[in-house]
């Protein structure tokens, strides 16, 4: 397991993900995944890669601009389903951008009741 549940990167991503309504953390294929119900919205690490990265589901309109960045790439496996990954380390990287991307990713998979809870309505 490259990014165990107590790894600093995992802990920092957990701080972003778990405040979302009904968000859970599930260990899958040796990586922490964050889910809204049964659907994943963030994954710590890119499969078979030791690079610190977090996978997310981008807004399709933002995808081309994200792919122009040096710190964004198409990850193995999930990339075939539209996922992207942002390279970050626990103490380096664009964490403000990552929080925004995780918010977008959550909104892509969340149920209506979860979105209402998130938006206060």
PDB file of N, CA and C in Angstrom:
ATOM      1  N   UNK A   1       0.847  -1.173   0.000  1.00  0.00           N
ATOM      2  CA  UNK A   1       0.000   0.000   0.000  1.00  0.00           C
ATOM      3  C   UNK A   1       0.897   1.242   0.000  1.00  0.00           C
ATOM      4  N   UNK A   2       0.784   2.054  -1.013  1.00  0.00           N
ATOM      5  CA  UNK A   2       1.654   3.211  -1.143  1.00  0.00           C
ATOM      6  C   UNK A   2       1.205   4.389  -0.277  1.00  0.00           C
ATOM      7  N   UNK A   3      -0.085   4.527  -0.080  1.00  0.00           N
ATOM      8  CA  UNK A   3      -0.610   5.624   0.725  1.00  0.00           C
ATOM      9  C   UNK A   3      -1.575   5.054   1.760  1.00  0.00           C
ATOM     10  N   UNK A   4      -1.022   4.462   2.841  1.00  0.00           N
ATOM     11  CA  UNK A   4      -1.887   3.869   3.858  1.00  0.00           C
ATOM     12  C   UNK A   4      -2.763   4.925   4.522  1.00  0.00           C
ATOM     13  N   UNK A   5      -3.737   4.453   5.276  1.00  0.00           N
ATOM     14  CA  UNK A   5      -4.718   5.359   5.870  1.00  0.00           C
ATOM     15  C   UNK A   5      -4.093   6.376   6.832  1.00  0.00           C
ATOM     16  N   UNK A   6      -2.896   6.086   7.358  1.00  0.00           N
ATOM     17  CA  UNK A   6      -2.246   7.032   8.264  1.00  0.00           C
ATOM     18  C   UNK A   6      -1.186   7.886   7.560  1.00  0.00           C
ATOM     19  N   UNK A   7      -1.060   7.762   6.250  1.00  0.00           N
ATOM     20  CA  UNK A   7      -0.099   8.570   5.486  1.00  0.00           C
ATOM     21  C   UNK A   7      -0.521  10.037   5.551  1.00  0.00           C
ATOM     22  N   UNK A   8       0.435  10.965   5.647  1.00  0.00           N
ATOM     23  CA  UNK A   8       0.081  12.396   5.711  1.00  0.00           C
ATOM     24  C   UNK A   8      -0.777  12.878   4.541  1.00  0.00           C
ATOM     25  N   UNK A   9      -0.547  12.353   3.336  1.00  0.00           N
ATOM     26  CA  UNK A   9      -1.365  12.754   2.189  1.00  0.00           C
ATOM     27  C   UNK A   9      -2.807  12.298   2.390  1.00  0.00           C
ATOM     28  N   UNK A  10      -2.975  11.075   2.830  1.00  0.00           N
ATOM     29  CA  UNK A  10      -4.316  10.556   3.075  1.00  0.00           C
ATOM     30  C   UNK A  10      -5.022  11.375   4.157  1.00  0.00           C
ATOM     31  N   UNK A  11      -4.310  11.705   5.218  1.00  0.00           N
ATOM     32  CA  UNK A  11      -4.922  12.485   6.303  1.00  0.00           C
ATOM     33  C   UNK A  11      -5.368  13.858   5.810  1.00  0.00           C
ATOM     34  N   UNK A  12      -4.558  14.483   4.992  1.00  0.00           N
ATOM     35  CA  UNK A  12      -4.913  15.821   4.503  1.00  0.00           C
ATOM     36  C   UNK A  12      -6.119  15.767   3.560  1.00  0.00           C
ATOM     37  N   UNK A  13      -6.173  14.760   2.683  1.00  0.00           N
ATOM     38  CA  UNK A  13      -7.314  14.606   1.782  1.00  0.00           C
ATOM     39  C   UNK A  13      -8.575  14.276   2.593  1.00  0.00           C
ATOM     40  N   UNK A  14      -8.430  13.470   3.620  1.00  0.00           N
ATOM     41  CA  UNK A  14      -9.555  13.125   4.492  1.00  0.00           C
ATOM     42  C   UNK A  14     -10.192  14.388   5.088  1.00  0.00           C
ATOM     43  N   UNK A  15      -9.361  15.347   5.479  1.00  0.00           N
ATOM     44  CA  UNK A  15      -9.873  16.603   6.048  1.00  0.00           C
ATOM     45  C   UNK A  15     -10.750  17.362   5.052  1.00  0.00           C
ATOM     46  N   UNK A  16     -10.457  17.224   3.777  1.00  0.00           N
ATOM     47  CA  UNK A  16     -11.255  17.882   2.738  1.00  0.00           C
ATOM     48  C   UNK A  16     -12.532  17.091   2.467  1.00  0.00           C
ATOM     49  N   UNK A  17     -12.413  15.775   2.400  1.00  0.00           N
ATOM     50  CA  UNK A  17     -13.520  14.937   1.910  1.00  0.00           C
ATOM     51  C   UNK A  17     -14.595  14.615   2.948  1.00  0.00           C
ATOM     52  N   UNK A  18     -14.214  14.307   4.163  1.00  0.00           N
ATOM     53  CA  UNK A  18     -15.204  13.802   5.109  1.00  0.00           C
ATOM     54  C   UNK A  18     -16.238  14.818   5.585  1.00  0.00           C
ATOM     55  N   UNK A  19     -15.997  16.115   5.506  1.00  0.00           N
ATOM     56  CA  UNK A  19     -17.071  17.050   5.860  1.00  0.00           C
ATOM     57  C   UNK A  19     -18.257  17.059   4.882  1.00  0.00           C
ATOM     58  N   UNK A  20     -18.104  16.505   3.693  1.00  0.00           N
ATOM     59  CA  UNK A  20     -19.223  16.463   2.754  1.00  0.00           C
ATOM     60  C   UNK A  20     -20.327  15.575   3.328  1.00  0.00           C
ATOM     61  N   UNK A  21     -21.587  15.928   3.091  1.00  0.00           N
ATOM     62  CA  UNK A  21     -22.700  15.139   3.621  1.00  0.00           C
ATOM     63  C   UNK A  21     -22.614  13.662   3.227  1.00  0.00           C
ATOM     64  N   UNK A  22     -22.703  12.799   4.223  1.00  0.00           N
ATOM     65  CA  UNK A  22     -22.724  11.347   4.049  1.00  0.00           C
ATOM     66  C   UNK A  22     -21.461  10.794   3.401  1.00  0.00           C
ATOM     67  N   UNK A  23     -20.369  11.544   3.426  1.00  0.00           N
ATOM     68  CA  UNK A  23     -19.115  11.061   2.847  1.00  0.00           C
ATOM     69  C   UNK A  23     -18.510   9.993   3.751  1.00  0.00           C
ATOM     70  N   UNK A  24     -17.934   8.976   3.114  1.00  0.00           N
ATOM     71  CA  UNK A  24     -17.257   7.906   3.840  1.00  0.00           C
ATOM     72  C   UNK A  24     -15.917   7.622   3.188  1.00  0.00           C
ATOM     73  N   UNK A  25     -15.051   7.006   3.965  1.00  0.00           N
ATOM     74  CA  UNK A  25     -13.752   6.572   3.462  1.00  0.00           C
ATOM     75  C   UNK A  25     -13.754   5.054   3.415  1.00  0.00           C
ATOM     76  N   UNK A  26     -13.336   4.503   2.291  1.00  0.00           N
ATOM     77  CA  UNK A  26     -13.292   3.060   2.104  1.00  0.00           C
ATOM     78  C   UNK A  26     -11.924   2.703   1.532  1.00  0.00           C
ATOM     79  N   UNK A  27     -11.282   1.733   2.127  1.00  0.00           N
ATOM     80  CA  UNK A  27     -10.018   1.233   1.594  1.00  0.00           C
ATOM     81  C   UNK A  27     -10.335   0.271   0.450  1.00  0.00           C
ATOM     82  N   UNK A  28      -9.818   0.578  -0.734  1.00  0.00           N
ATOM     83  CA  UNK A  28     -10.083  -0.258  -1.908  1.00  0.00           C
ATOM     84  C   UNK A  28      -8.808  -0.353  -2.744  1.00  0.00           C
ATOM     85  N   UNK A  29      -8.387  -1.561  -3.031  1.00  0.00           N
ATOM     86  CA  UNK A  29      -7.185  -1.800  -3.838  1.00  0.00           C
ATOM     87  C   UNK A  29      -5.967  -1.092  -3.245  1.00  0.00           C
ATOM     88  N   UNK A  30      -5.896  -1.054  -1.922  1.00  0.00           N
ATOM     89  CA  UNK A  30      -4.747  -0.475  -1.243  1.00  0.00           C
ATOM     90  C   UNK A  30      -4.727   1.034  -1.185  1.00  0.00           C
ATOM     91  N   UNK A  31      -5.829   1.667  -1.552  1.00  0.00           N
ATOM     92  CA  UNK A  31      -5.873   3.137  -1.528  1.00  0.00           C
ATOM     93  C   UNK A  31      -7.135   3.594  -0.814  1.00  0.00           C
ATOM     94  N   UNK A  32      -7.038   4.733  -0.153  1.00  0.00           N
ATOM     95  CA  UNK A  32      -8.229   5.328   0.445  1.00  0.00           C
ATOM     96  C   UNK A  32      -9.068   5.957  -0.651  1.00  0.00           C
ATOM     97  N   UNK A  33     -10.343   5.581  -0.651  1.00  0.00           N
ATOM     98  CA  UNK A  33     -11.289   6.188  -1.578  1.00  0.00           C
ATOM     99  C   UNK A  33     -12.334   6.906  -0.744  1.00  0.00           C
ATOM    100  N   UNK A  34     -12.849   7.977  -1.264  1.00  0.00           N
ATOM    101  CA  UNK A  34     -13.873   8.749  -0.572  1.00  0.00           C
ATOM    102  C   UNK A  34     -15.127   8.704  -1.418  1.00  0.00           C
ATOM    103  N   UNK A  35     -16.249   8.430  -0.747  1.00  0.00           N
ATOM    104  CA  UNK A  35     -17.491   8.150  -1.454  1.00  0.00           C
ATOM    105  C   UNK A  35     -18.651   8.957  -0.923  1.00  0.00           C
ATOM    106  N   UNK A  36     -19.546   9.266  -1.849  1.00  0.00           N
ATOM    107  CA  UNK A  36     -20.855   9.837  -1.526  1.00  0.00           C
ATOM    108  C   UNK A  36     -21.819   8.690  -1.755  1.00  0.00           C
ATOM    109  N   UNK A  37     -22.252   8.055  -0.676  1.00  0.00           N
ATOM    110  CA  UNK A  37     -23.016   6.824  -0.840  1.00  0.00           C
ATOM    111  C   UNK A  37     -22.082   5.755  -1.355  1.00  0.00           C
ATOM    112  N   UNK A  38     -22.418   5.121  -2.461  1.00  0.00           N
ATOM    113  CA  UNK A  38     -21.581   4.065  -3.030  1.00  0.00           C
ATOM    114  C   UNK A  38     -20.629   4.565  -4.104  1.00  0.00           C
ATOM    115  N   UNK A  39     -20.795   5.807  -4.526  1.00  0.00           N
ATOM    116  CA  UNK A  39     -20.010   6.321  -5.654  1.00  0.00           C
ATOM    117  C   UNK A  39     -18.788   7.098  -5.188  1.00  0.00           C
ATOM    118  N   UNK A  40     -17.643   6.785  -5.772  1.00  0.00           N
ATOM    119  CA  UNK A  40     -16.385   7.441  -5.412  1.00  0.00           C
ATOM    120  C   UNK A  40     -16.320   8.852  -5.991  1.00  0.00           C
ATOM    121  N   UNK A  41     -15.730   9.753  -5.196  1.00  0.00           N
ATOM    122  CA  UNK A  41     -15.492  11.100  -5.720  1.00  0.00           C
ATOM    123  C   UNK A  41     -14.039  11.538  -5.550  1.00  0.00           C
ATOM    124  N   UNK A  42     -13.244  10.808  -4.800  1.00  0.00           N
ATOM    125  CA  UNK A  42     -11.818  11.119  -4.659  1.00  0.00           C
ATOM    126  C   UNK A  42     -11.071   9.847  -4.290  1.00  0.00           C
ATOM    127  N   UNK A  43      -9.848   9.727  -4.819  1.00  0.00           N
ATOM    128  CA  UNK A  43      -8.997   8.578  -4.542  1.00  0.00           C
ATOM    129  C   UNK A  43      -7.593   9.106  -4.261  1.00  0.00           C
ATOM    130  N   UNK A  44      -6.995   8.647  -3.174  1.00  0.00           N
ATOM    131  CA  UNK A  44      -5.630   9.066  -2.839  1.00  0.00           C
ATOM    132  C   UNK A  44      -4.655   8.177  -3.597  1.00  0.00           C
ATOM    133  N   UNK A  45      -3.772   8.818  -4.354  1.00  0.00           N
ATOM    134  CA  UNK A  45      -2.778   8.087  -5.131  1.00  0.00           C
ATOM    135  C   UNK A  45      -3.323   7.677  -6.481  1.00  0.00           C
ATOM    136  N   UNK A  46      -2.414   7.525  -7.430  1.00  0.00           N
ATOM    137  CA  UNK A  46      -2.780   7.006  -8.753  1.00  0.00           C
ATOM    138  C   UNK A  46      -2.311   5.558  -8.795  1.00  0.00           C
ATOM    139  N   UNK A  47      -3.103   4.693  -9.355  1.00  0.00           N
ATOM    140  CA  UNK A  47      -2.796   3.257  -9.358  1.00  0.00           C
ATOM    141  C   UNK A  47      -1.388   2.985  -9.876  1.00  0.00           C
ATOM    142  N   UNK A  48      -0.654   2.147  -9.167  1.00  0.00           N
ATOM    143  CA  UNK A  48       0.698   1.721  -9.543  1.00  0.00           C
ATOM    144  C   UNK A  48       1.651   2.900  -9.718  1.00  0.00           C
ATOM    145  N   UNK A  49       1.483   3.928  -8.925  1.00  0.00           N
ATOM    146  CA  UNK A  49       2.296   5.126  -9.042  1.00  0.00           C
ATOM    147  C   UNK A  49       2.630   5.600  -7.637  1.00  0.00           C
ATOM    148  N   UNK A  50       3.902   5.844  -7.378  1.00  0.00           N
ATOM    149  CA  UNK A  50       4.305   6.337  -6.064  1.00  0.00           C
ATOM    150  C   UNK A  50       4.201   7.857  -5.957  1.00  0.00           C
ATOM    151  N   UNK A  51       3.807   8.512  -7.026  1.00  0.00           N
ATOM    152  CA  UNK A  51       3.691   9.960  -7.022  1.00  0.00           C
ATOM    153  C   UNK A  51       2.499  10.366  -6.160  1.00  0.00           C
ATOM    154  N   UNK A  52       2.693  11.354  -5.307  1.00  0.00           N
ATOM    155  CA  UNK A  52       1.584  11.872  -4.523  1.00  0.00           C
ATOM    156  C   UNK A  52       0.588  12.531  -5.450  1.00  0.00           C
ATOM    157  N   UNK A  53      -0.615  11.988  -5.492  1.00  0.00           N
ATOM    158  CA  UNK A  53      -1.653  12.525  -6.363  1.00  0.00           C
ATOM    159  C   UNK A  53      -3.007  12.173  -5.787  1.00  0.00           C
ATOM    160  N   UNK A  54      -3.994  12.949  -6.183  1.00  0.00           N
ATOM    161  CA  UNK A  54      -5.373  12.674  -5.795  1.00  0.00           C
ATOM    162  C   UNK A  54      -6.202  12.669  -7.068  1.00  0.00           C
ATOM    163  N   UNK A  55      -6.971  11.595  -7.232  1.00  0.00           N
ATOM    164  CA  UNK A  55      -7.827  11.462  -8.399  1.00  0.00           C
ATOM    165  C   UNK A  55      -9.201  12.060  -8.107  1.00  0.00           C
ATOM    166  N   UNK A  56      -9.830  12.625  -9.142  1.00  0.00           N
ATOM    167  CA  UNK A  56     -11.128  13.292  -9.014  1.00  0.00           C
ATOM    168  C   UNK A  56     -11.851  13.236 -10.349  1.00  0.00           C
ATOM    169  N   UNK A  57     -13.147  13.513 -10.309  1.00  0.00           N
ATOM    170  CA  UNK A  57     -13.957  13.578 -11.532  1.00  0.00           C
ATOM    171  C   UNK A  57     -14.129  15.059 -11.875  1.00  0.00           C
ATOM    172  N   UNK A  58     -13.561  15.527 -12.985  1.00  0.00           N
ATOM    173  CA  UNK A  58     -13.644  16.945 -13.304  1.00  0.00           C
ATOM    174  C   UNK A  58     -14.965  17.317 -13.979  1.00  0.00           C
ATOM    175  N   UNK A  59     -15.267  18.595 -13.934  1.00  0.00           N
ATOM    176  CA  UNK A  59     -16.336  19.138 -14.756  1.00  0.00           C
ATOM    177  C   UNK A  59     -15.837  19.053 -16.200  1.00  0.00           C
ATOM    178  N   UNK A  60     -16.661  18.554 -17.087  1.00  0.00           N
ATOM    179  CA  UNK A  60     -16.226  18.362 -18.479  1.00  0.00           C
ATOM    180  C   UNK A  60     -15.795  19.666 -19.143  1.00  0.00           C
ATOM    181  N   UNK A  61     -16.397  20.784 -18.762  1.00  0.00           N
ATOM    182  CA  UNK A  61     -16.012  22.066 -19.355  1.00  0.00           C
ATOM    183  C   UNK A  61     -14.642  22.527 -18.880  1.00  0.00           C
ATOM    184  N   UNK A  62     -14.224  22.091 -17.692  1.00  0.00           N
ATOM    185  CA  UNK A  62     -12.924  22.481 -17.133  1.00  0.00           C
ATOM    186  C   UNK A  62     -11.797  21.526 -17.537  1.00  0.00           C
ATOM    187  N   UNK A  63     -12.159  20.354 -18.022  1.00  0.00           N
ATOM    188  CA  UNK A  63     -11.176  19.313 -18.333  1.00  0.00           C
ATOM    189  C   UNK A  63     -10.046  19.787 -19.256  1.00  0.00           C
ATOM    190  N   UNK A  64     -10.341  20.440 -20.391  1.00  0.00           N
ATOM    191  CA  UNK A  64      -9.239  20.857 -21.277  1.00  0.00           C
ATOM    192  C   UNK A  64      -8.244  21.801 -20.589  1.00  0.00           C
ATOM    193  N   UNK A  65      -8.747  22.744 -19.816  1.00  0.00           N
ATOM    194  CA  UNK A  65      -7.852  23.680 -19.124  1.00  0.00           C
ATOM    195  C   UNK A  65      -7.023  22.958 -18.064  1.00  0.00           C
ATOM    196  N   UNK A  66      -7.640  22.015 -17.363  1.00  0.00           N
ATOM    197  CA  UNK A  66      -6.903  21.258 -16.349  1.00  0.00           C
ATOM    198  C   UNK A  66      -5.776  20.456 -16.974  1.00  0.00           C
ATOM    199  N   UNK A  67      -6.027  19.873 -18.131  1.00  0.00           N
ATOM    200  CA  UNK A  67      -5.007  19.049 -18.788  1.00  0.00           C
ATOM    201  C   UNK A  67      -3.830  19.868 -19.319  1.00  0.00           C
ATOM    202  N   UNK A  68      -3.980  21.178 -19.394  1.00  0.00           N
ATOM    203  CA  UNK A  68      -2.865  22.042 -19.796  1.00  0.00           C
ATOM    204  C   UNK A  68      -1.878  22.263 -18.650  1.00  0.00           C
ATOM    205  N   UNK A  69      -2.298  21.967 -17.437  1.00  0.00           N
ATOM    206  CA  UNK A  69      -1.440  22.149 -16.260  1.00  0.00           C
ATOM    207  C   UNK A  69      -0.403  21.029 -16.184  1.00  0.00           C
ATOM    208  N   UNK A  70       0.791  21.361 -15.701  1.00  0.00           N
ATOM    209  CA  UNK A  70       1.849  20.367 -15.542  1.00  0.00           C
ATOM    210  C   UNK A  70       1.570  19.393 -14.399  1.00  0.00           C
ATOM    211  N   UNK A  71       0.743  19.794 -13.435  1.00  0.00           N
ATOM    212  CA  UNK A  71       0.500  18.941 -12.268  1.00  0.00           C
ATOM    213  C   UNK A  71      -0.773  18.103 -12.386  1.00  0.00           C
ATOM    214  N   UNK A  72      -1.410  18.104 -13.551  1.00  0.00           N
ATOM    215  CA  UNK A  72      -2.617  17.301 -13.782  1.00  0.00           C
ATOM    216  C   UNK A  72      -2.316  16.259 -14.857  1.00  0.00           C
ATOM    217  N   UNK A  73      -2.814  15.037 -14.646  1.00  0.00           N
ATOM    218  CA  UNK A  73      -2.602  13.972 -15.621  1.00  0.00           C
ATOM    219  C   UNK A  73      -3.794  13.020 -15.610  1.00  0.00           C
ATOM    220  N   UNK A  74      -3.858  12.201 -16.656  1.00  0.00           N
ATOM    221  CA  UNK A  74      -4.888  11.171 -16.763  1.00  0.00           C
ATOM    222  C   UNK A  74      -4.340   9.932 -16.055  1.00  0.00           C
ATOM    223  N   UNK A  75      -4.974   9.498 -14.979  1.00  0.00           N
ATOM    224  CA  UNK A  75      -4.450   8.360 -14.224  1.00  0.00           C
ATOM    225  C   UNK A  75      -4.774   7.026 -14.900  1.00  0.00           C
ATOM    226  N   UNK A  76      -3.965   5.998 -14.617  1.00  0.00           N
ATOM    227  CA  UNK A  76      -4.292   4.667 -15.138  1.00  0.00           C
ATOM    228  C   UNK A  76      -5.637   4.204 -14.589  1.00  0.00           C
ATOM    229  N   UNK A  77      -6.291   3.368 -15.293  1.00  0.00           N
ATOM    230  CA  UNK A  77      -7.573   2.762 -14.927  1.00  0.00           C
ATOM    231  C   UNK A  77      -8.707   3.773 -14.875  1.00  0.00           C
ATOM    232  N   UNK A  78      -8.788   4.600 -13.852  1.00  0.00           N
ATOM    233  CA  UNK A  78      -9.906   5.534 -13.709  1.00  0.00           C
ATOM    234  C   UNK A  78      -9.917   6.579 -14.816  1.00  0.00           C
ATOM    235  N   UNK A  79      -8.763   6.862 -15.403  1.00  0.00           N
ATOM    236  CA  UNK A  79      -8.693   7.830 -16.490  1.00  0.00           C
ATOM    237  C   UNK A  79      -9.573   7.458 -17.668  1.00  0.00           C
ATOM    238  N   UNK A  80      -9.748   6.177 -17.897  1.00  0.00           N
ATOM    239  CA  UNK A  80     -10.612   5.714 -18.994  1.00  0.00           C
ATOM    240  C   UNK A  80     -12.078   6.064 -18.752  1.00  0.00           C
ATOM    241  N   UNK A  81     -12.410   6.379 -17.518  1.00  0.00           N
ATOM    242  CA  UNK A  81     -13.792   6.727 -17.148  1.00  0.00           C
ATOM    243  C   UNK A  81     -13.956   8.221 -16.889  1.00  0.00           C
ATOM    244  N   UNK A  82     -12.974   9.020 -17.329  1.00  0.00           N
ATOM    245  CA  UNK A  82     -13.088  10.460 -17.225  1.00  0.00           C
ATOM    246  C   UNK A  82     -12.393  11.095 -16.036  1.00  0.00           C
ATOM    247  N   UNK A  83     -11.782  10.299 -15.173  1.00  0.00           N
ATOM    248  CA  UNK A  83     -11.103  10.844 -14.007  1.00  0.00           C
ATOM    249  C   UNK A  83      -9.797  11.518 -14.406  1.00  0.00           C
ATOM    250  N   UNK A  84      -9.380  12.502 -13.609  1.00  0.00           N
ATOM    251  CA  UNK A  84      -8.065  13.122 -13.715  1.00  0.00           C
ATOM    252  C   UNK A  84      -7.400  13.023 -12.347  1.00  0.00           C
ATOM    253  N   UNK A  85      -6.107  13.349 -12.298  1.00  0.00           N
ATOM    254  CA  UNK A  85      -5.377  13.361 -11.034  1.00  0.00           C
ATOM    255  C   UNK A  85      -4.546  14.634 -10.946  1.00  0.00           C
ATOM    256  N   UNK A  86      -4.457  15.167  -9.743  1.00  0.00           N
ATOM    257  CA  UNK A  86      -3.641  16.350  -9.456  1.00  0.00           C
ATOM    258  C   UNK A  86      -2.492  15.905  -8.568  1.00  0.00           C
ATOM    259  N   UNK A  87      -1.254  16.197  -8.977  1.00  0.00           N
ATOM    260  CA  UNK A  87      -0.087  15.877  -8.155  1.00  0.00           C
ATOM    261  C   UNK A  87      -0.034  16.837  -6.969  1.00  0.00           C
ATOM    262  N   UNK A  88       0.005  16.271  -5.783  1.00  0.00           N
ATOM    263  CA  UNK A  88       0.156  17.049  -4.555  1.00  0.00           C
ATOM    264  C   UNK A  88       0.939  16.217  -3.556  1.00  0.00           C
ATOM    265  N   UNK A  89       1.535  16.879  -2.625  1.00  0.00           N
ATOM    266  CA  UNK A  89       2.200  16.251  -1.487  1.00  0.00           C
ATOM    267  C   UNK A  89       1.572  16.853  -0.235  1.00  0.00           C
ATOM    268  N   UNK A  90       1.733  16.213   0.912  1.00  0.00           N
ATOM    269  CA  UNK A  90       1.098  16.752   2.125  1.00  0.00           C
ATOM    270  C   UNK A  90       1.455  18.211   2.406  1.00  0.00           C
ATOM    271  N   UNK A  91       2.669  18.614   2.040  1.00  0.00           N
ATOM    272  CA  UNK A  91       3.104  19.982   2.336  1.00  0.00           C
ATOM    273  C   UNK A  91       3.398  20.800   1.076  1.00  0.00           C
ATOM    274  N   UNK A  92       2.955  20.321  -0.075  1.00  0.00           N
ATOM    275  CA  UNK A  92       3.216  21.051  -1.325  1.00  0.00           C
ATOM    276  C   UNK A  92       2.125  20.750  -2.337  1.00  0.00           C
ATOM    277  N   UNK A  93       1.942  21.685  -3.239  1.00  0.00           N
ATOM    278  CA  UNK A  93       0.927  21.504  -4.275  1.00  0.00           C
ATOM    279  C   UNK A  93      -0.177  22.529  -4.113  1.00  0.00           C
ATOM    280  N   UNK A  94      -1.090  22.525  -5.039  1.00  0.00           N
ATOM    281  CA  UNK A  94      -2.183  23.498  -5.056  1.00  0.00           C
ATOM    282  C   UNK A  94      -3.386  22.923  -4.307  1.00  0.00           C
ATOM    283  N   UNK A  95      -3.357  23.051  -2.987  1.00  0.00           N
ATOM    284  CA  UNK A  95      -4.406  22.483  -2.143  1.00  0.00           C
ATOM    285  C   UNK A  95      -5.719  23.243  -2.238  1.00  0.00           C
ATOM    286  N   UNK A  96      -5.665  24.521  -2.551  1.00  0.00           N
ATOM    287  CA  UNK A  96      -6.903  25.281  -2.752  1.00  0.00           C
ATOM    288  C   UNK A  96      -7.609  24.749  -3.998  1.00  0.00           C
ATOM    289  N   UNK A  97      -6.860  24.574  -5.073  1.00  0.00           N
ATOM    290  CA  UNK A  97      -7.429  24.005  -6.297  1.00  0.00           C
ATOM    291  C   UNK A  97      -7.962  22.603  -6.024  1.00  0.00           C
ATOM    292  N   UNK A  98      -7.203  21.787  -5.304  1.00  0.00           N
ATOM    293  CA  UNK A  98      -7.658  20.424  -5.035  1.00  0.00           C
ATOM    294  C   UNK A  98      -8.989  20.426  -4.284  1.00  0.00           C
ATOM    295  N   UNK A  99      -9.142  21.289  -3.303  1.00  0.00           N
ATOM    296  CA  UNK A  99     -10.412  21.359  -2.566  1.00  0.00           C
ATOM    297  C   UNK A  99     -11.561  21.712  -3.508  1.00  0.00           C
ATOM    298  N   UNK A 100     -11.328  22.628  -4.443  1.00  0.00           N
ATOM    299  CA  UNK A 100     -12.361  22.996  -5.417  1.00  0.00           C
ATOM    300  C   UNK A 100     -12.685  21.814  -6.346  1.00  0.00           C
ATOM    301  N   UNK A 101     -11.650  21.091  -6.773  1.00  0.00           N
ATOM    302  CA  UNK A 101     -11.855  19.950  -7.664  1.00  0.00           C
ATOM    303  C   UNK A 101     -12.598  18.822  -6.956  1.00  0.00           C
ATOM    304  N   UNK A 102     -12.300  18.617  -5.686  1.00  0.00           N
ATOM    305  CA  UNK A 102     -13.003  17.594  -4.915  1.00  0.00           C
ATOM    306  C   UNK A 102     -14.462  17.988  -4.723  1.00  0.00           C
ATOM    307  N   UNK A 103     -14.726  19.273  -4.500  1.00  0.00           N
ATOM    308  CA  UNK A 103     -16.110  19.736  -4.391  1.00  0.00           C
ATOM    309  C   UNK A 103     -16.873  19.444  -5.684  1.00  0.00           C
ATOM    310  N   UNK A 104     -16.267  19.757  -6.810  1.00  0.00           N
ATOM    311  CA  UNK A 104     -16.889  19.478  -8.108  1.00  0.00           C
ATOM    312  C   UNK A 104     -17.108  17.988  -8.291  1.00  0.00           C
ATOM    313  N   UNK A 105     -16.117  17.197  -7.929  1.00  0.00           N
ATOM    314  CA  UNK A 105     -16.211  15.752  -8.078  1.00  0.00           C
ATOM    315  C   UNK A 105     -17.344  15.183  -7.216  1.00  0.00           C
ATOM    316  N   UNK A 106     -17.433  15.656  -5.974  1.00  0.00           N
ATOM    317  CA  UNK A 106     -18.522  15.216  -5.092  1.00  0.00           C
ATOM    318  C   UNK A 106     -19.870  15.538  -5.729  1.00  0.00           C
ATOM    319  N   UNK A 107     -20.005  16.745  -6.245  1.00  0.00           N
ATOM    320  CA  UNK A 107     -21.277  17.163  -6.848  1.00  0.00           C
ATOM    321  C   UNK A 107     -21.639  16.313  -8.069  1.00  0.00           C
ATOM    322  N   UNK A 108     -20.644  15.739  -8.731  1.00  0.00           N
ATOM    323  CA  UNK A 108     -20.906  14.897  -9.907  1.00  0.00           C
ATOM    324  C   UNK A 108     -21.603  13.584  -9.527  1.00  0.00           C
ATOM    325  N   UNK A 109     -21.338  13.085  -8.311  1.00  0.00           N
ATOM    326  CA  UNK A 109     -21.836  11.757  -7.932  1.00  0.00           C
ATOM    327  C   UNK A 109     -22.862  11.771  -6.805  1.00  0.00           C
ATOM    328  N   UNK A 110     -23.008  12.889  -6.112  1.00  0.00           N
ATOM    329  CA  UNK A 110     -23.871  12.943  -4.933  1.00  0.00           C
ATOM    330  C   UNK A 110     -25.349  12.818  -5.305  1.00  0.00           C
ATOM    331  N   UNK A 111     -26.101  12.281  -4.376  1.00  0.00           N
ATOM    332  CA  UNK A 111     -27.553  12.213  -4.508  1.00  0.00           C
ATOM    333  C   UNK A 111     -28.156  13.595  -4.250  1.00  0.00           C
ATOM    334  N   UNK A 112     -29.376  13.806  -4.701  1.00  0.00           N
ATOM    335  CA  UNK A 112     -30.030  15.111  -4.524  1.00  0.00           C
ATOM    336  C   UNK A 112     -30.098  15.511  -3.054  1.00  0.00           C
ATOM    337  N   UNK A 113     -30.404  14.574  -2.159  1.00  0.00           N
ATOM    338  CA  UNK A 113     -30.489  14.917  -0.736  1.00  0.00           C
ATOM    339  C   UNK A 113     -29.124  15.339  -0.178  1.00  0.00           C
ATOM    340  N   UNK A 114     -28.066  14.738  -0.705  1.00  0.00           N
ATOM    341  CA  UNK A 114     -26.713  15.119  -0.268  1.00  0.00           C
ATOM    342  C   UNK A 114     -26.364  16.520  -0.771  1.00  0.00           C
ATOM    343  N   UNK A 115     -26.781  16.825  -1.993  1.00  0.00           N
ATOM    344  CA  UNK A 115     -26.529  18.162  -2.528  1.00  0.00           C
ATOM    345  C   UNK A 115     -27.333  19.215  -1.767  1.00  0.00           C
ATOM    346  N   UNK A 116     -28.579  18.888  -1.422  1.00  0.00           N
ATOM    347  CA  UNK A 116     -29.390  19.831  -0.631  1.00  0.00           C
ATOM    348  C   UNK A 116     -28.727  20.078   0.732  1.00  0.00           C
ATOM    349  N   UNK A 117     -28.235  19.020   1.354  1.00  0.00           N
ATOM    350  CA  UNK A 117     -27.561  19.171   2.650  1.00  0.00           C
ATOM    351  C   UNK A 117     -26.290  20.018   2.494  1.00  0.00           C
ATOM    352  N   UNK A 118     -25.558  19.803   1.422  1.00  0.00           N
ATOM    353  CA  UNK A 118     -24.334  20.559   1.176  1.00  0.00           C
ATOM    354  C   UNK A 118     -24.621  22.035   0.975  1.00  0.00           C
ATOM    355  N   UNK A 119     -25.666  22.328   0.232  1.00  0.00           N
ATOM    356  CA  UNK A 119     -25.994  23.712  -0.103  1.00  0.00           C
ATOM    357  C   UNK A 119     -26.931  24.374   0.907  1.00  0.00           C
ATOM    358  N   UNK A 120     -27.231  23.656   1.994  1.00  0.00           N
ATOM    359  CA  UNK A 120     -28.026  24.244   3.062  1.00  0.00           C
ATOM    360  C   UNK A 120     -29.512  24.306   2.780  1.00  0.00           C
ATOM    361  N   UNK A 121     -30.001  23.528   1.852  1.00  0.00           N
ATOM    362  CA  UNK A 121     -31.436  23.618   1.538  1.00  0.00           C
ATOM    363  C   UNK A 121     -32.059  22.286   1.528  1.00  0.00           C
TER     364      UNK A 121
END
